[in-house]
Amino acid sequence: MSKKGRTLLTFLLAQLLILPISPTAAFQVSTSLGVRVKRAAPSPLEPLRVINGQMQGRTVGGEFVRNGNPTNFSLTITKAEIVGSKLELRGDFRTGPGSRNTQSVRAKIAGSMAMAANPWPHASDNDATPANISGCGVLFLNLDLPPQSRAAMGAARSLQVGVVLAPLENNLGEDINKRICAIVGMLDSKSDPNQLSEAVGELNRLLGQTR
């Protein structure tokens, strides 16, 4: 083959290799040329680490997106207890419709942001609720998911849930929020164990309500 012909053939082959062709086609071309082409490994999906929801009563509800598909979730808190030096909440976690997607879970309070003021005062703000108890603007929960739920959601082992209060007609949610924040403050200040036990008992009384 002449030099001009070899130059033209090289040019045409180069154009084929830089075109946006499929991996299969690229492999066929490279095989015919005797050239090894290393296929790029698919990048792994980043596990879901944070979801957010609103608390209505004792249930936190929200939505997360996985692989482009929105899915509802809910966390219904049923019990509180002190584990070590942390407040731990127990509850039922559900994703999507149907009871088959419900799992019993534990969640630890990872942190909180103070509420500057209460823009929605209600009847429960009376003498029965101590004035020094204030709610949290945001609660952060570390949710320890069982393997089945983690796999279904594509979530990390410890999933953080950001929780804000639903603003209207949510007396029970506000009372639960106040008690949780009060207990977190008592743990931080190493309050008297008897007072702490009473506060947890009051929180569990509220969690037993369904209104």
C-alpha atoms as a PDB file:
ATOM      1  CA  MET A   1       0.000   0.000   0.000  1.00  0.00           C
ATOM      2  CA  SER A   2       1.259   3.454  -0.845  1.00  0.00           C
ATOM      3  CA  LYS A   3       2.175   5.989   1.802  1.00  0.00           C
ATOM      4  CA  LYS A   4      -0.854   8.092   0.851  1.00  0.00           C
ATOM      5  CA  GLY A   5      -3.147   5.084   1.222  1.00  0.00           C
ATOM      6  CA  ARG A   6      -1.712   4.190   4.651  1.00  0.00           C
ATOM      7  CA  THR A   7      -2.196   7.780   5.813  1.00  0.00           C
ATOM      8  CA  LEU A   8      -5.841   7.769   4.682  1.00  0.00           C
ATOM      9  CA  LEU A   9      -6.496   4.420   6.381  1.00  0.00           C
ATOM     10  CA  THR A  10      -4.941   5.667   9.640  1.00  0.00           C
ATOM     11  CA  PHE A  11      -7.114   8.791   9.530  1.00  0.00           C
ATOM     12  CA  LEU A  12     -10.315   6.785   8.991  1.00  0.00           C
ATOM     13  CA  LEU A  13      -9.515   4.380  11.814  1.00  0.00           C
ATOM     14  CA  ALA A  14      -8.790   7.265  14.169  1.00  0.00           C
ATOM     15  CA  GLN A  15     -12.169   8.809  13.350  1.00  0.00           C
ATOM     16  CA  LEU A  16     -13.896   5.527  14.157  1.00  0.00           C
ATOM     17  CA  LEU A  17     -12.192   5.289  17.543  1.00  0.00           C
ATOM     18  CA  ILE A  18     -13.144   8.795  18.705  1.00  0.00           C
ATOM     19  CA  LEU A  19     -16.808   8.595  17.669  1.00  0.00           C
ATOM     20  CA  PRO A  20     -19.303   8.097  20.554  1.00  0.00           C
ATOM     21  CA  ILE A  21     -19.960   4.443  19.825  1.00  0.00           C
ATOM     22  CA  SER A  22     -21.208   1.745  22.187  1.00  0.00           C
ATOM     23  CA  PRO A  23     -18.772  -0.278  24.320  1.00  0.00           C
ATOM     24  CA  THR A  24     -19.600  -3.390  22.262  1.00  0.00           C
ATOM     25  CA  ALA A  25     -18.812  -1.658  18.984  1.00  0.00           C
ATOM     26  CA  ALA A  26     -15.640  -0.184  20.400  1.00  0.00           C
ATOM     27  CA  PHE A  27     -14.562  -3.631  21.548  1.00  0.00           C
ATOM     28  CA  GLN A  28     -15.211  -5.061  18.053  1.00  0.00           C
ATOM     29  CA  VAL A  29     -13.185  -2.307  16.394  1.00  0.00           C
ATOM     30  CA  SER A  30     -10.329  -2.689  18.869  1.00  0.00           C
ATOM     31  CA  THR A  31     -10.317  -6.460  18.344  1.00  0.00           C
ATOM     32  CA  SER A  32     -10.032  -6.078  14.596  1.00  0.00           C
ATOM     33  CA  LEU A  33      -7.128  -3.697  15.091  1.00  0.00           C
ATOM     34  CA  GLY A  34      -5.413  -5.903  17.648  1.00  0.00           C
ATOM     35  CA  VAL A  35      -5.597  -3.133  20.272  1.00  0.00           C
ATOM     36  CA  ARG A  36      -6.644  -3.741  23.890  1.00  0.00           C
ATOM     37  CA  VAL A  37      -9.267  -1.321  25.202  1.00  0.00           C
ATOM     38  CA  LYS A  38      -9.862  -1.217  28.961  1.00  0.00           C
ATOM     39  CA  ARG A  39     -13.534  -0.844  29.720  1.00  0.00           C
ATOM     40  CA  ALA A  40     -14.428   1.743  32.365  1.00  0.00           C
ATOM     41  CA  ALA A  41     -15.937   0.175  35.477  1.00  0.00           C
ATOM     42  CA  PRO A  42     -19.392   1.530  36.384  1.00  0.00           C
ATOM     43  CA  SER A  43     -19.183   3.997  39.255  1.00  0.00           C
ATOM     44  CA  PRO A  44     -20.921   2.720  42.426  1.00  0.00           C
ATOM     45  CA  LEU A  45     -23.976   4.582  43.692  1.00  0.00           C
ATOM     46  CA  GLU A  46     -23.383   6.682  46.782  1.00  0.00           C
ATOM     47  CA  PRO A  47     -25.451   5.267  49.666  1.00  0.00           C
ATOM     48  CA  LEU A  48     -28.324   7.338  50.996  1.00  0.00           C
ATOM     49  CA  ARG A  49     -27.127   9.087  54.155  1.00  0.00           C
ATOM     50  CA  VAL A  50     -29.642  11.857  54.954  1.00  0.00           C
ATOM     51  CA  ILE A  51     -33.432  12.158  54.692  1.00  0.00           C
ATOM     52  CA  ASN A  52     -35.768  14.842  56.051  1.00  0.00           C
ATOM     53  CA  GLY A  53     -39.309  14.826  57.366  1.00  0.00           C
ATOM     54  CA  GLN A  54     -42.005  16.656  59.329  1.00  0.00           C
ATOM     55  CA  MET A  55     -43.249  15.494  62.700  1.00  0.00           C
ATOM     56  CA  GLN A  56     -47.025  15.337  63.097  1.00  0.00           C
ATOM     57  CA  GLY A  57     -47.963  13.948  66.487  1.00  0.00           C
ATOM     58  CA  ARG A  58     -45.527  11.134  67.192  1.00  0.00           C
ATOM     59  CA  THR A  59     -44.939  10.296  63.498  1.00  0.00           C
ATOM     60  CA  VAL A  60     -42.224  11.737  61.252  1.00  0.00           C
ATOM     61  CA  GLY A  61     -43.135  11.578  57.574  1.00  0.00           C
ATOM     62  CA  GLY A  62     -41.312  12.610  54.430  1.00  0.00           C
ATOM     63  CA  GLU A  63     -39.954  11.555  51.079  1.00  0.00           C
ATOM     64  CA  PHE A  64     -36.601  10.501  49.677  1.00  0.00           C
ATOM     65  CA  VAL A  65     -35.442   9.915  46.106  1.00  0.00           C
ATOM     66  CA  ARG A  66     -33.520   6.838  45.056  1.00  0.00           C
ATOM     67  CA  ASN A  67     -32.519   6.149  41.455  1.00  0.00           C
ATOM     68  CA  GLY A  68     -34.805   8.961  40.374  1.00  0.00           C
ATOM     69  CA  ASN A  69     -37.880   7.457  42.071  1.00  0.00           C
ATOM     70  CA  PRO A  70     -39.585   9.317  44.962  1.00  0.00           C
ATOM     71  CA  THR A  71     -40.598   7.110  47.910  1.00  0.00           C
ATOM     72  CA  ASN A  72     -42.517   8.036  51.049  1.00  0.00           C
ATOM     73  CA  PHE A  73     -41.290   7.089  54.499  1.00  0.00           C
ATOM     74  CA  SER A  74     -42.644   7.355  58.036  1.00  0.00           C
ATOM     75  CA  LEU A  75     -41.167   6.853  61.487  1.00  0.00           C
ATOM     76  CA  THR A  76     -43.679   6.404  64.304  1.00  0.00           C
ATOM     77  CA  ILE A  77     -41.965   6.846  67.687  1.00  0.00           C
ATOM     78  CA  THR A  78     -43.313   4.462  70.328  1.00  0.00           C
ATOM     79  CA  LYS A  79     -40.870   4.577  73.251  1.00  0.00           C
ATOM     80  CA  ALA A  80     -37.949   6.544  74.706  1.00  0.00           C
ATOM     81  CA  GLU A  81     -35.158   5.419  77.020  1.00  0.00           C
ATOM     82  CA  ILE A  82     -31.700   6.462  78.142  1.00  0.00           C
ATOM     83  CA  VAL A  83     -28.925   4.276  76.737  1.00  0.00           C
ATOM     84  CA  GLY A  84     -25.512   5.206  78.073  1.00  0.00           C
ATOM     85  CA  SER A  85     -25.482   8.990  77.961  1.00  0.00           C
ATOM     86  CA  LYS A  86     -27.842   9.346  74.994  1.00  0.00           C
ATOM     87  CA  LEU A  87     -31.592   9.509  74.535  1.00  0.00           C
ATOM     88  CA  GLU A  88     -32.698   6.623  72.345  1.00  0.00           C
ATOM     89  CA  LEU A  89     -36.047   6.401  70.594  1.00  0.00           C
ATOM     90  CA  ARG A  90     -37.756   3.224  69.440  1.00  0.00           C
ATOM     91  CA  GLY A  91     -40.312   3.105  66.697  1.00  0.00           C
ATOM     92  CA  ASP A  92     -41.704   1.642  63.498  1.00  0.00           C
ATOM     93  CA  PHE A  93     -40.092   2.691  60.223  1.00  0.00           C
ATOM     94  CA  ARG A  94     -42.023   2.257  56.982  1.00  0.00           C
ATOM     95  CA  THR A  95     -41.097   2.904  53.356  1.00  0.00           C
ATOM     96  CA  GLY A  96     -43.720   2.916  50.623  1.00  0.00           C
ATOM     97  CA  PRO A  97     -47.205   1.409  50.948  1.00  0.00           C
ATOM     98  CA  GLY A  98     -47.971  -1.823  52.792  1.00  0.00           C
ATOM     99  CA  SER A  99     -47.163  -3.276  56.201  1.00  0.00           C
ATOM    100  CA  ARG A 100     -44.504  -5.578  54.734  1.00  0.00           C
ATOM    101  CA  ASN A 101     -42.197  -2.577  54.475  1.00  0.00           C
ATOM    102  CA  THR A 102     -42.420  -1.812  58.224  1.00  0.00           C
ATOM    103  CA  GLN A 103     -39.409  -2.456  60.463  1.00  0.00           C
ATOM    104  CA  SER A 104     -38.776  -1.896  64.170  1.00  0.00           C
ATOM    105  CA  VAL A 105     -35.874   0.525  64.549  1.00  0.00           C
ATOM    106  CA  ARG A 106     -33.861   2.481  67.106  1.00  0.00           C
ATOM    107  CA  ALA A 107     -32.785   6.093  66.710  1.00  0.00           C
ATOM    108  CA  LYS A 108     -30.385   8.157  68.794  1.00  0.00           C
ATOM    109  CA  ILE A 109     -30.553  11.919  69.099  1.00  0.00           C
ATOM    110  CA  ALA A 110     -27.512  13.116  67.168  1.00  0.00           C
ATOM    111  CA  GLY A 111     -28.070  16.829  67.671  1.00  0.00           C
ATOM    112  CA  SER A 112     -30.566  19.671  67.628  1.00  0.00           C
ATOM    113  CA  MET A 113     -31.040  23.320  66.701  1.00  0.00           C
ATOM    114  CA  ALA A 114     -32.872  25.595  69.100  1.00  0.00           C
ATOM    115  CA  MET A 115     -36.204  27.150  68.216  1.00  0.00           C
ATOM    116  CA  ALA A 116     -35.905  30.939  68.440  1.00  0.00           C
ATOM    117  CA  ALA A 117     -39.594  31.471  69.158  1.00  0.00           C
ATOM    118  CA  ASN A 118     -42.925  29.692  68.931  1.00  0.00           C
ATOM    119  CA  PRO A 119     -44.873  31.332  66.084  1.00  0.00           C
ATOM    120  CA  TRP A 120     -47.830  28.974  66.590  1.00  0.00           C
ATOM    121  CA  PRO A 121     -48.866  29.159  70.282  1.00  0.00           C
ATOM    122  CA  HIS A 122     -51.562  26.714  71.317  1.00  0.00           C
ATOM    123  CA  ALA A 123     -53.626  25.647  74.295  1.00  0.00           C
ATOM    124  CA  SER A 124     -50.947  23.308  75.629  1.00  0.00           C
ATOM    125  CA  ASP A 125     -48.722  26.286  76.436  1.00  0.00           C
ATOM    126  CA  ASN A 126     -50.087  26.619  79.948  1.00  0.00           C
ATOM    127  CA  ASP A 127     -49.027  26.065  83.530  1.00  0.00           C
ATOM    128  CA  ALA A 128     -48.854  22.294  82.980  1.00  0.00           C
ATOM    129  CA  THR A 129     -45.917  22.835  80.626  1.00  0.00           C
ATOM    130  CA  PRO A 130     -42.927  24.338  82.480  1.00  0.00           C
ATOM    131  CA  ALA A 131     -41.839  27.682  81.087  1.00  0.00           C
ATOM    132  CA  ASN A 132     -38.209  26.597  80.928  1.00  0.00           C
ATOM    133  CA  ILE A 133     -39.010  23.820  78.430  1.00  0.00           C
ATOM    134  CA  SER A 134     -38.556  25.047  74.886  1.00  0.00           C
ATOM    135  CA  GLY A 135     -38.768  23.099  71.681  1.00  0.00           C
ATOM    136  CA  CYS A 136     -36.146  22.398  69.053  1.00  0.00           C
ATOM    137  CA  GLY A 137     -36.335  23.942  65.616  1.00  0.00           C
ATOM    138  CA  VAL A 138     -34.667  20.861  64.131  1.00  0.00           C
ATOM    139  CA  LEU A 139     -33.862  17.445  65.589  1.00  0.00           C
ATOM    140  CA  PHE A 140     -31.269  15.154  64.042  1.00  0.00           C
ATOM    141  CA  LEU A 141     -31.768  11.427  64.526  1.00  0.00           C
ATOM    142  CA  ASN A 142     -29.287   8.660  63.752  1.00  0.00           C
ATOM    143  CA  LEU A 143     -31.428   5.792  62.533  1.00  0.00           C
ATOM    144  CA  ASP A 144     -29.963   2.303  62.812  1.00  0.00           C
ATOM    145  CA  LEU A 145     -31.649   0.428  59.980  1.00  0.00           C
ATOM    146  CA  PRO A 146     -31.881  -3.359  59.712  1.00  0.00           C
ATOM    147  CA  PRO A 147     -30.175  -4.913  56.646  1.00  0.00           C
ATOM    148  CA  GLN A 148     -33.464  -5.447  54.807  1.00  0.00           C
ATOM    149  CA  SER A 149     -34.404  -1.770  54.959  1.00  0.00           C
ATOM    150  CA  ARG A 150     -30.876  -0.597  54.100  1.00  0.00           C
ATOM    151  CA  ALA A 151     -30.835  -2.759  50.989  1.00  0.00           C
ATOM    152  CA  ALA A 152     -34.289  -1.606  49.864  1.00  0.00           C
ATOM    153  CA  MET A 153     -33.378   2.070  50.306  1.00  0.00           C
ATOM    154  CA  GLY A 154     -29.750   1.863  49.218  1.00  0.00           C
ATOM    155  CA  ALA A 155     -28.946   3.530  52.529  1.00  0.00           C
ATOM    156  CA  ALA A 156     -25.869   3.656  54.724  1.00  0.00           C
ATOM    157  CA  ARG A 157     -25.974   1.691  57.992  1.00  0.00           C
ATOM    158  CA  SER A 158     -26.481   4.879  60.001  1.00  0.00           C
ATOM    159  CA  LEU A 159     -29.067   7.066  58.288  1.00  0.00           C
ATOM    160  CA  GLN A 160     -29.531  10.617  59.566  1.00  0.00           C
ATOM    161  CA  VAL A 161     -33.078  11.979  59.705  1.00  0.00           C
ATOM    162  CA  GLY A 162     -33.626  15.728  59.940  1.00  0.00           C
ATOM    163  CA  VAL A 163     -36.909  16.409  61.761  1.00  0.00           C
ATOM    164  CA  VAL A 164     -38.929  19.626  61.858  1.00  0.00           C
ATOM    165  CA  LEU A 165     -42.375  20.133  63.364  1.00  0.00           C
ATOM    166  CA  ALA A 166     -45.465  20.299  61.207  1.00  0.00           C
ATOM    167  CA  PRO A 167     -46.571  23.856  62.020  1.00  0.00           C
ATOM    168  CA  LEU A 168     -50.351  23.724  62.425  1.00  0.00           C
ATOM    169  CA  GLU A 169     -52.740  21.687  64.617  1.00  0.00           C
ATOM    170  CA  ASN A 170     -49.876  19.696  66.072  1.00  0.00           C
ATOM    171  CA  ASN A 171     -50.195  20.023  69.837  1.00  0.00           C
ATOM    172  CA  LEU A 172     -48.972  16.491  70.550  1.00  0.00           C
ATOM    173  CA  GLY A 173     -45.997  16.861  68.220  1.00  0.00           C
ATOM    174  CA  GLU A 174     -44.975  20.112  69.876  1.00  0.00           C
ATOM    175  CA  ASP A 175     -45.251  18.610  73.365  1.00  0.00           C
ATOM    176  CA  ILE A 176     -43.147  15.590  72.348  1.00  0.00           C
ATOM    177  CA  ASN A 177     -40.599  17.886  70.722  1.00  0.00           C
ATOM    178  CA  LYS A 178     -40.329  19.976  73.907  1.00  0.00           C
ATOM    179  CA  ARG A 179     -39.831  16.940  76.107  1.00  0.00           C
ATOM    180  CA  ILE A 180     -37.172  15.453  73.837  1.00  0.00           C
ATOM    181  CA  CYS A 181     -35.238  18.728  73.797  1.00  0.00           C
ATOM    182  CA  ALA A 182     -35.575  19.102  77.574  1.00  0.00           C
ATOM    183  CA  ILE A 183     -34.166  15.598  78.124  1.00  0.00           C
ATOM    184  CA  VAL A 184     -31.261  16.265  75.740  1.00  0.00           C
ATOM    185  CA  GLY A 185     -30.476  19.415  77.749  1.00  0.00           C
ATOM    186  CA  MET A 186     -30.677  17.500  81.023  1.00  0.00           C
ATOM    187  CA  LEU A 187     -28.272  14.873  79.702  1.00  0.00           C
ATOM    188  CA  ASP A 188     -25.830  17.561  78.581  1.00  0.00           C
ATOM    189  CA  SER A 189     -25.936  19.250  81.993  1.00  0.00           C
ATOM    190  CA  LYS A 190     -25.798  15.913  83.867  1.00  0.00           C
ATOM    191  CA  SER A 191     -29.019  16.556  85.741  1.00  0.00           C
ATOM    192  CA  ASP A 192     -30.252  14.573  88.711  1.00  0.00           C
ATOM    193  CA  PRO A 193     -31.028  10.950  87.654  1.00  0.00           C
ATOM    194  CA  ASN A 194     -34.433  11.038  89.357  1.00  0.00           C
ATOM    195  CA  GLN A 195     -35.473  14.156  87.472  1.00  0.00           C
ATOM    196  CA  LEU A 196     -34.189  12.598  84.265  1.00  0.00           C
ATOM    197  CA  SER A 197     -36.200   9.441  84.898  1.00  0.00           C
ATOM    198  CA  GLU A 198     -39.349  11.484  85.511  1.00  0.00           C
ATOM    199  CA  ALA A 199     -38.808  13.417  82.277  1.00  0.00           C
ATOM    200  CA  VAL A 200     -38.419  10.194  80.265  1.00  0.00           C
ATOM    201  CA  GLY A 201     -41.568   8.826  81.913  1.00  0.00           C
ATOM    202  CA  GLU A 202     -43.494  11.952  80.888  1.00  0.00           C
ATOM    203  CA  LEU A 203     -42.183  11.624  77.326  1.00  0.00           C
ATOM    204  CA  ASN A 204     -43.325   8.000  77.185  1.00  0.00           C
ATOM    205  CA  ARG A 205     -46.745   9.052  78.441  1.00  0.00           C
ATOM    206  CA  LEU A 206     -46.996  11.457  75.519  1.00  0.00           C
ATOM    207  CA  LEU A 207     -45.768   8.819  73.077  1.00  0.00           C
ATOM    208  CA  GLY A 208     -48.563   6.547  74.252  1.00  0.00           C
ATOM    209  CA  GLN A 209     -51.133   9.046  73.021  1.00  0.00           C
ATOM    210  CA  THR A 210     -52.536   8.916  69.489  1.00  0.00           C
ATOM    211  CA  ARG A 211     -54.257  12.288  69.207  1.00  0.00           C
END
